[in-house]
Amino acid sequence: MDNIRKAVTNDLTRIAEIELFNYRLNFYPIFKSDWFYFKYLTVPALIEKYADKINSFYVYDDGTVKGFTCVEAAEIKKLFVEPVLQNKGIGGKLLQFAVENGADNLWALEKNTDAIRFYKRYGFRLTGDKKFEEDTTEYLVKLKLEK
C-alpha cells in the first residue's frame, strides 16, 4: 500500500513519540497516573522496549513518519497516528494494510470509544470477550474482523 513500509531502527524515535503523545491524550484522562505517563513512559524507554520487536512494526511514511501499526500473528497490537494528523485517512490505510496482511483481531480499551468506533467502521465487531488492562481495573474488549 502506498506510503506504508516495514519499520527500521531509525523509525523508533517517531514511533515512540507518536505512541507517547497518543497515550497522554487518550489514556491519561482515564488512568490519571502522573508517574506512568510522565516518568515511566518516555521516548527512550519505548525505543528500548521496541528495538527487538521492530520486525512487527510498519509505518506510514510520506516523507515523514505520521503513524504506525504493530502486528503480531493475526493480532493488531498497536495502531496510532500522530494526533494532529488524525482524521486524514492515515489510520484507515494502516488498518487496511494490517488486514490485507492477515490481521483480523485486536484488543481496545473499553473506554476508548473513538477507537472502537473507528475499528467498527472498517468491519471489526465486538466479540464479547473482555479482560483487565494489566495492573488496572479498566477493561480491554476484543474486536474481530467480520468476514
Protein backbone atom coordinates (compact mmCIF):
# COMPACT_ATOMS: atom_id res chain seq x y z
CA MET A 1 0.00 0.00 0.00
CA ASP A 2 1.27 3.49 -0.82
CA ASN A 3 3.36 5.13 1.87
CA ILE A 4 3.39 2.09 4.18
CA ARG A 5 6.63 0.26 4.69
CA LYS A 6 8.32 -2.02 7.19
CA ALA A 7 9.78 -0.01 10.04
CA VAL A 8 13.52 0.26 10.53
CA THR A 9 15.52 1.11 13.64
CA ASN A 10 15.75 4.77 12.62
CA ASP A 11 11.92 4.97 12.86
CA LEU A 12 11.85 4.08 16.55
CA THR A 13 12.04 7.69 17.76
CA ARG A 14 8.98 8.69 15.72
CA ILE A 15 7.11 5.51 16.70
CA ALA A 16 7.82 6.28 20.37
CA GLU A 17 6.80 9.95 20.03
CA ILE A 18 3.53 9.08 18.30
CA GLU A 19 2.63 6.47 20.91
CA LEU A 20 3.61 8.71 23.81
CA PHE A 21 1.52 11.65 22.60
CA ASN A 22 -1.48 9.38 21.96
CA TYR A 23 -1.19 7.73 25.37
CA ARG A 24 -1.07 11.08 27.13
CA LEU A 25 -4.04 12.48 25.19
CA ASN A 26 -6.25 9.39 25.24
CA PHE A 27 -5.33 7.38 28.32
CA TYR A 28 -4.01 9.82 30.91
CA PRO A 29 -7.53 11.25 31.42
CA ILE A 30 -8.75 7.73 32.26
CA PHE A 31 -5.88 6.44 34.40
CA LYS A 32 -4.55 9.77 35.76
CA SER A 33 -1.13 8.37 36.63
CA ASP A 34 1.48 11.11 36.60
CA TRP A 35 4.17 8.53 37.35
CA PHE A 36 3.29 6.28 34.41
CA TYR A 37 2.56 8.91 31.76
CA PHE A 38 5.28 11.43 32.64
CA LYS A 39 8.10 9.45 34.27
CA TYR A 40 7.88 5.82 33.19
CA LEU A 41 6.52 6.28 29.65
CA THR A 42 9.29 8.13 27.82
CA VAL A 43 10.64 8.14 24.29
CA PRO A 44 13.93 6.43 25.32
CA ALA A 45 12.04 3.74 27.28
CA LEU A 46 9.76 2.98 24.31
CA ILE A 47 12.70 2.89 21.89
CA GLU A 48 14.40 0.32 24.11
CA LYS A 49 11.18 -1.68 24.52
CA TYR A 50 10.53 -1.90 20.77
CA ALA A 51 14.08 -2.26 19.43
CA ASP A 52 13.93 -6.06 19.30
CA LYS A 53 10.32 -6.06 18.01
CA ILE A 54 10.99 -3.76 15.04
CA ASN A 55 10.09 -6.51 12.55
CA SER A 56 6.45 -6.35 13.74
CA PHE A 57 6.13 -2.62 13.01
CA TYR A 58 5.01 -0.84 9.85
CA VAL A 59 4.99 2.91 9.35
CA TYR A 60 3.01 5.33 7.24
CA ASP A 61 5.77 7.43 5.70
CA ASP A 62 5.17 10.09 3.07
CA GLY A 63 8.49 11.78 3.79
CA THR A 64 7.63 11.96 7.48
CA VAL A 65 6.52 9.05 9.65
CA LYS A 66 2.96 10.02 10.57
CA GLY A 67 1.61 6.78 12.01
CA PHE A 68 2.40 3.15 12.68
CA THR A 69 0.94 -0.25 13.35
CA CYS A 70 2.37 -3.27 15.13
CA VAL A 71 1.05 -6.65 14.01
CA GLU A 72 1.96 -9.97 15.56
CA ALA A 73 0.45 -13.12 14.04
CA ALA A 74 -3.13 -12.09 13.23
CA GLU A 75 -3.42 -9.51 16.03
CA ILE A 76 -3.08 -5.76 15.68
CA LYS A 77 -1.10 -4.90 18.80
CA LYS A 78 -0.92 -1.15 18.16
CA LEU A 79 -2.18 1.38 15.67
CA PHE A 80 -1.50 5.06 16.24
CA VAL A 81 -1.43 8.22 14.14
CA GLU A 82 0.23 11.49 15.14
CA PRO A 83 -2.62 13.26 16.99
CA VAL A 84 -2.53 16.46 14.91
CA LEU A 85 -2.78 14.34 11.74
CA GLN A 86 -5.73 12.18 12.73
CA ASN A 87 -8.91 12.10 10.62
CA LYS A 88 -6.93 12.35 7.36
CA GLY A 89 -7.17 8.68 6.33
CA ILE A 90 -3.78 7.57 7.67
CA GLY A 91 -5.22 5.27 10.33
CA GLY A 92 -7.58 3.71 7.80
CA LYS A 93 -4.70 2.99 5.44
CA LEU A 94 -2.66 1.43 8.24
CA LEU A 95 -5.63 -0.69 9.30
CA GLN A 96 -6.34 -1.83 5.73
CA PHE A 97 -2.65 -2.71 5.33
CA ALA A 98 -2.74 -4.81 8.51
CA VAL A 99 -5.91 -6.61 7.39
CA GLU A 100 -4.51 -7.25 3.90
CA ASN A 101 -1.52 -8.84 5.60
CA GLY A 102 -3.59 -11.24 7.71
CA ALA A 103 -4.57 -9.29 10.84
CA ASP A 104 -8.15 -9.89 11.94
CA ASN A 105 -8.38 -9.06 15.65
CA LEU A 106 -7.29 -6.63 18.36
CA TRP A 107 -7.93 -5.50 21.92
CA ALA A 108 -9.04 -1.93 22.70
CA LEU A 109 -9.62 -0.13 25.96
CA GLU A 110 -13.36 -0.27 26.61
CA LYS A 111 -13.47 3.45 27.44
CA ASN A 112 -11.67 4.36 24.20
CA THR A 113 -14.96 4.69 22.34
CA ASP A 114 -13.41 6.70 19.49
CA ALA A 115 -11.04 3.84 18.69
CA ILE A 116 -13.82 1.25 18.91
CA ARG A 117 -15.99 3.34 16.59
CA PHE A 118 -13.04 3.64 14.16
CA TYR A 119 -12.48 -0.13 14.05
CA LYS A 120 -16.20 -0.78 13.60
CA ARG A 121 -16.21 1.47 10.50
CA TYR A 122 -13.75 -0.99 8.96
CA GLY A 123 -15.75 -4.11 9.72
CA PHE A 124 -14.49 -5.08 13.17
CA ARG A 125 -17.10 -6.19 15.71
CA LEU A 126 -17.02 -6.64 19.46
CA THR A 127 -16.74 -10.32 20.34
CA GLY A 128 -17.98 -10.05 23.92
CA ASP A 129 -14.54 -11.07 25.25
CA LYS A 130 -13.13 -8.80 27.96
CA LYS A 131 -10.06 -8.76 30.14
CA PHE A 132 -8.49 -6.35 32.58
CA GLU A 133 -5.82 -3.97 31.31
CA GLU A 134 -2.70 -5.07 33.17
CA ASP A 135 -2.45 -3.64 36.69
CA THR A 136 -5.71 -1.66 36.39
CA THR A 137 -9.43 -2.01 36.95
CA GLU A 138 -10.20 -0.98 33.35
CA TYR A 139 -11.33 -3.46 30.74
CA LEU A 140 -9.98 -4.24 27.30
CA VAL A 141 -12.54 -5.51 24.80
CA LYS A 142 -11.79 -7.77 21.86
CA LEU A 143 -12.75 -6.85 18.31
CA LYS A 144 -12.63 -9.25 15.40
CA LEU A 145 -12.98 -8.58 11.69
CA GLU A 146 -16.26 -9.86 10.26
CA LYS A 147 -15.59 -11.79 7.08
